[in-house]
């Protein structure tokens, strides 16, 4: 697997509504709320209009992963969406995207990253913990808030 990670490009880029909506459609299995197309379309519009993105693409340009985040309240960066296509999970790509995001937002004065995750999404919680996030709020019966100081 030497050089395996060289087959992916991690970068900060703008995504338009079509890019976000198309990717959401490909990842609906990971997000039960996305089954309703109206919700999916509204969320895609909000994120494409207001969020920044760290993306992961193959060398041919295929979008395989994204982190959508807001930096509108420094020193807080809020991650609003994370997804990877099924065939690319478990390869360490989320961690690479997150490290890229952390470097970028720290240059913009952010010192705290926050996100929300469904309690039953054990795979995501483990990934976030592996990047240094801690659970800080357990009041909801469905979701955790997690934070990381940077």
C-alpha atoms as a PDB file:
ATOM      1  CA  UNK A   1       0.000   0.000   0.000  1.00  0.00           C
ATOM      2  CA  UNK A   2       2.975   2.325  -0.357  1.00  0.00           C
ATOM      3  CA  UNK A   3       1.774   5.408  -2.181  1.00  0.00           C
ATOM      4  CA  UNK A   4      -1.876   4.425  -1.779  1.00  0.00           C
ATOM      5  CA  UNK A   5      -2.822   7.786  -0.290  1.00  0.00           C
ATOM      6  CA  UNK A   6      -1.201   9.537  -3.252  1.00  0.00           C
ATOM      7  CA  UNK A   7      -4.239   8.440  -5.263  1.00  0.00           C
ATOM      8  CA  UNK A   8      -6.422  10.985  -3.478  1.00  0.00           C
ATOM      9  CA  UNK A   9      -6.477  14.779  -3.470  1.00  0.00           C
ATOM     10  CA  UNK A  10      -7.614  16.601  -0.336  1.00  0.00           C
ATOM     11  CA  UNK A  11      -8.375  20.281  -0.804  1.00  0.00           C
ATOM     12  CA  UNK A  12     -10.518  23.223   0.206  1.00  0.00           C
ATOM     13  CA  UNK A  13     -12.983  24.114  -2.545  1.00  0.00           C
ATOM     14  CA  UNK A  14     -16.389  25.596  -3.209  1.00  0.00           C
ATOM     15  CA  UNK A  15     -19.139  23.189  -4.170  1.00  0.00           C
ATOM     16  CA  UNK A  16     -22.284  24.315  -5.938  1.00  0.00           C
ATOM     17  CA  UNK A  17     -25.812  23.073  -5.263  1.00  0.00           C
ATOM     18  CA  UNK A  18     -25.626  20.372  -7.947  1.00  0.00           C
ATOM     19  CA  UNK A  19     -22.331  18.975  -6.553  1.00  0.00           C
ATOM     20  CA  UNK A  20     -23.700  18.850  -3.014  1.00  0.00           C
ATOM     21  CA  UNK A  21     -27.101  17.452  -3.969  1.00  0.00           C
ATOM     22  CA  UNK A  22     -25.567  14.762  -6.215  1.00  0.00           C
ATOM     23  CA  UNK A  23     -23.211  13.708  -3.407  1.00  0.00           C
ATOM     24  CA  UNK A  24     -26.009  13.683  -0.835  1.00  0.00           C
ATOM     25  CA  UNK A  25     -28.037  11.376  -3.094  1.00  0.00           C
ATOM     26  CA  UNK A  26     -25.058   8.969  -3.235  1.00  0.00           C
ATOM     27  CA  UNK A  27     -24.743   8.923   0.563  1.00  0.00           C
ATOM     28  CA  UNK A  28     -28.413   8.802   1.656  1.00  0.00           C
ATOM     29  CA  UNK A  29     -27.936   5.398   3.310  1.00  0.00           C
ATOM     30  CA  UNK A  30     -25.743   7.055   5.956  1.00  0.00           C
ATOM     31  CA  UNK A  31     -28.338   9.730   6.772  1.00  0.00           C
ATOM     32  CA  UNK A  32     -31.880   8.538   7.557  1.00  0.00           C
ATOM     33  CA  UNK A  33     -33.242  12.118   7.340  1.00  0.00           C
ATOM     34  CA  UNK A  34     -32.066  12.299   3.727  1.00  0.00           C
ATOM     35  CA  UNK A  35     -34.644   9.774   2.572  1.00  0.00           C
ATOM     36  CA  UNK A  36     -37.103  12.633   2.172  1.00  0.00           C
ATOM     37  CA  UNK A  37     -36.024  14.463  -0.984  1.00  0.00           C
ATOM     38  CA  UNK A  38     -37.429  17.836   0.138  1.00  0.00           C
ATOM     39  CA  UNK A  39     -35.231  17.750   3.232  1.00  0.00           C
ATOM     40  CA  UNK A  40     -32.254  16.635   1.176  1.00  0.00           C
ATOM     41  CA  UNK A  41     -32.685  19.445  -1.343  1.00  0.00           C
ATOM     42  CA  UNK A  42     -33.171  22.139   1.340  1.00  0.00           C
ATOM     43  CA  UNK A  43     -30.123  20.975   3.290  1.00  0.00           C
ATOM     44  CA  UNK A  44     -28.000  20.815   0.139  1.00  0.00           C
ATOM     45  CA  UNK A  45     -29.026  24.374  -0.756  1.00  0.00           C
ATOM     46  CA  UNK A  46     -28.193  25.745   2.690  1.00  0.00           C
ATOM     47  CA  UNK A  47     -24.835  24.005   2.796  1.00  0.00           C
ATOM     48  CA  UNK A  48     -23.842  24.926  -0.759  1.00  0.00           C
ATOM     49  CA  UNK A  49     -24.770  28.573  -0.088  1.00  0.00           C
ATOM     50  CA  UNK A  50     -23.152  29.016   3.328  1.00  0.00           C
ATOM     51  CA  UNK A  51     -20.559  26.340   4.091  1.00  0.00           C
ATOM     52  CA  UNK A  52     -16.909  25.878   3.223  1.00  0.00           C
ATOM     53  CA  UNK A  53     -15.743  22.436   2.166  1.00  0.00           C
ATOM     54  CA  UNK A  54     -12.792  20.142   2.512  1.00  0.00           C
ATOM     55  CA  UNK A  55     -13.121  17.541  -0.201  1.00  0.00           C
ATOM     56  CA  UNK A  56     -11.472  14.294  -1.133  1.00  0.00           C
ATOM     57  CA  UNK A  57     -11.296  13.370  -4.812  1.00  0.00           C
ATOM     58  CA  UNK A  58      -9.710  10.630  -6.819  1.00  0.00           C
ATOM     59  CA  UNK A  59      -6.986  11.649  -9.259  1.00  0.00           C
ATOM     60  CA  UNK A  60      -9.636  11.564 -11.995  1.00  0.00           C
ATOM     61  CA  UNK A  61     -11.624  14.203 -10.080  1.00  0.00           C
ATOM     62  CA  UNK A  62     -14.406  12.005  -8.702  1.00  0.00           C
ATOM     63  CA  UNK A  63     -15.763  13.431  -5.437  1.00  0.00           C
ATOM     64  CA  UNK A  64     -15.578  10.672  -2.817  1.00  0.00           C
ATOM     65  CA  UNK A  65     -15.683  12.591   0.461  1.00  0.00           C
ATOM     66  CA  UNK A  66     -16.604  15.926   1.977  1.00  0.00           C
ATOM     67  CA  UNK A  67     -16.570  17.846   5.210  1.00  0.00           C
ATOM     68  CA  UNK A  68     -18.871  20.883   5.171  1.00  0.00           C
ATOM     69  CA  UNK A  69     -18.159  23.456   7.870  1.00  0.00           C
ATOM     70  CA  UNK A  70     -18.913  26.985   9.025  1.00  0.00           C
ATOM     71  CA  UNK A  71     -16.381  29.502  10.336  1.00  0.00           C
ATOM     72  CA  UNK A  72     -18.850  32.326  10.858  1.00  0.00           C
ATOM     73  CA  UNK A  73     -18.373  32.528  14.636  1.00  0.00           C
ATOM     74  CA  UNK A  74     -14.647  32.488  15.405  1.00  0.00           C
ATOM     75  CA  UNK A  75     -13.075  31.064  17.422  1.00  0.00           C
ATOM     76  CA  UNK A  76     -15.594  28.272  16.691  1.00  0.00           C
ATOM     77  CA  UNK A  77     -15.627  26.097  13.594  1.00  0.00           C
ATOM     78  CA  UNK A  78     -18.795  24.035  13.278  1.00  0.00           C
ATOM     79  CA  UNK A  79     -18.752  20.876  11.153  1.00  0.00           C
ATOM     80  CA  UNK A  80     -22.239  20.491   9.705  1.00  0.00           C
ATOM     81  CA  UNK A  81     -21.758  17.478   7.435  1.00  0.00           C
ATOM     82  CA  UNK A  82     -19.279  14.646   6.908  1.00  0.00           C
ATOM     83  CA  UNK A  83     -19.602  11.871   4.367  1.00  0.00           C
ATOM     84  CA  UNK A  84     -17.550   9.400   2.363  1.00  0.00           C
ATOM     85  CA  UNK A  85     -18.724   7.083  -0.381  1.00  0.00           C
ATOM     86  CA  UNK A  86     -19.096   3.496   0.839  1.00  0.00           C
ATOM     87  CA  UNK A  87     -16.147   2.023  -1.060  1.00  0.00           C
ATOM     88  CA  UNK A  88     -13.739   4.516   0.523  1.00  0.00           C
ATOM     89  CA  UNK A  89     -14.557   4.157   4.216  1.00  0.00           C
ATOM     90  CA  UNK A  90     -11.991   2.693   6.580  1.00  0.00           C
ATOM     91  CA  UNK A  91      -9.005   3.930   4.550  1.00  0.00           C
ATOM     92  CA  UNK A  92      -8.050   6.850   6.784  1.00  0.00           C
ATOM     93  CA  UNK A  93      -9.464   9.438   4.394  1.00  0.00           C
ATOM     94  CA  UNK A  94     -11.679  11.138   6.962  1.00  0.00           C
ATOM     95  CA  UNK A  95      -8.680  11.674   9.235  1.00  0.00           C
ATOM     96  CA  UNK A  96      -6.686  13.168   6.352  1.00  0.00           C
ATOM     97  CA  UNK A  97      -9.579  15.487   5.479  1.00  0.00           C
ATOM     98  CA  UNK A  98     -10.003  16.493   9.114  1.00  0.00           C
ATOM     99  CA  UNK A  99      -6.274  17.250   9.592  1.00  0.00           C
ATOM    100  CA  UNK A 100      -6.451  19.440   6.472  1.00  0.00           C
ATOM    101  CA  UNK A 101      -9.538  21.221   7.843  1.00  0.00           C
ATOM    102  CA  UNK A 102      -7.941  21.771  11.247  1.00  0.00           C
ATOM    103  CA  UNK A 103      -4.865  23.389   9.709  1.00  0.00           C
ATOM    104  CA  UNK A 104      -7.012  25.643   7.543  1.00  0.00           C
ATOM    105  CA  UNK A 105      -9.393  26.827  10.254  1.00  0.00           C
ATOM    106  CA  UNK A 106      -6.619  27.429  12.782  1.00  0.00           C
ATOM    107  CA  UNK A 107      -5.046  29.869  10.291  1.00  0.00           C
ATOM    108  CA  UNK A 108      -8.362  31.758  10.375  1.00  0.00           C
ATOM    109  CA  UNK A 109      -8.385  32.098  14.163  1.00  0.00           C
ATOM    110  CA  UNK A 110     -10.545  29.103  15.025  1.00  0.00           C
ATOM    111  CA  UNK A 111      -9.528  27.347  18.232  1.00  0.00           C
ATOM    112  CA  UNK A 112     -12.493  25.023  18.754  1.00  0.00           C
ATOM    113  CA  UNK A 113     -14.190  22.571  16.404  1.00  0.00           C
ATOM    114  CA  UNK A 114     -17.690  21.332  17.228  1.00  0.00           C
ATOM    115  CA  UNK A 115     -19.968  18.787  15.592  1.00  0.00           C
ATOM    116  CA  UNK A 116     -23.119  16.805  16.199  1.00  0.00           C
ATOM    117  CA  UNK A 117     -23.426  13.055  15.651  1.00  0.00           C
ATOM    118  CA  UNK A 118     -26.192  10.497  16.006  1.00  0.00           C
ATOM    119  CA  UNK A 119     -25.629   8.316  19.075  1.00  0.00           C
ATOM    120  CA  UNK A 120     -26.138   5.149  17.053  1.00  0.00           C
ATOM    121  CA  UNK A 121     -23.449   6.122  14.521  1.00  0.00           C
ATOM    122  CA  UNK A 122     -20.711   4.218  16.316  1.00  0.00           C
ATOM    123  CA  UNK A 123     -18.378   4.244  13.291  1.00  0.00           C
ATOM    124  CA  UNK A 124     -18.475   8.067  13.072  1.00  0.00           C
ATOM    125  CA  UNK A 125     -18.071   8.523  16.845  1.00  0.00           C
ATOM    126  CA  UNK A 126     -14.998   6.284  16.772  1.00  0.00           C
ATOM    127  CA  UNK A 127     -13.564   8.267  13.832  1.00  0.00           C
ATOM    128  CA  UNK A 128     -14.131  11.568  15.639  1.00  0.00           C
ATOM    129  CA  UNK A 129     -12.576  10.237  18.857  1.00  0.00           C
ATOM    130  CA  UNK A 130      -9.553   9.071  16.835  1.00  0.00           C
ATOM    131  CA  UNK A 131      -9.128  12.705  15.720  1.00  0.00           C
ATOM    132  CA  UNK A 132      -9.234  13.947  19.327  1.00  0.00           C
ATOM    133  CA  UNK A 133     -12.904  14.911  19.729  1.00  0.00           C
ATOM    134  CA  UNK A 134     -14.616  14.497  23.093  1.00  0.00           C
ATOM    135  CA  UNK A 135     -18.327  14.105  23.835  1.00  0.00           C
ATOM    136  CA  UNK A 136     -19.508  17.203  25.716  1.00  0.00           C
ATOM    137  CA  UNK A 137     -23.291  17.046  25.651  1.00  0.00           C
ATOM    138  CA  UNK A 138     -25.430  14.014  26.170  1.00  0.00           C
ATOM    139  CA  UNK A 139     -28.798  15.710  26.808  1.00  0.00           C
ATOM    140  CA  UNK A 140     -30.476  14.562  23.610  1.00  0.00           C
ATOM    141  CA  UNK A 141     -31.756  11.020  23.276  1.00  0.00           C
ATOM    142  CA  UNK A 142     -30.597  10.905  19.629  1.00  0.00           C
ATOM    143  CA  UNK A 143     -27.426  13.009  19.292  1.00  0.00           C
ATOM    144  CA  UNK A 144     -24.099  13.820  20.895  1.00  0.00           C
ATOM    145  CA  UNK A 145     -22.238  17.102  20.620  1.00  0.00           C
ATOM    146  CA  UNK A 146     -18.498  16.631  20.330  1.00  0.00           C
ATOM    147  CA  UNK A 147     -15.725  19.222  20.495  1.00  0.00           C
ATOM    148  CA  UNK A 148     -12.004  19.469  19.960  1.00  0.00           C
ATOM    149  CA  UNK A 149      -9.737  22.317  20.993  1.00  0.00           C
ATOM    150  CA  UNK A 150      -7.054  23.102  18.444  1.00  0.00           C
END
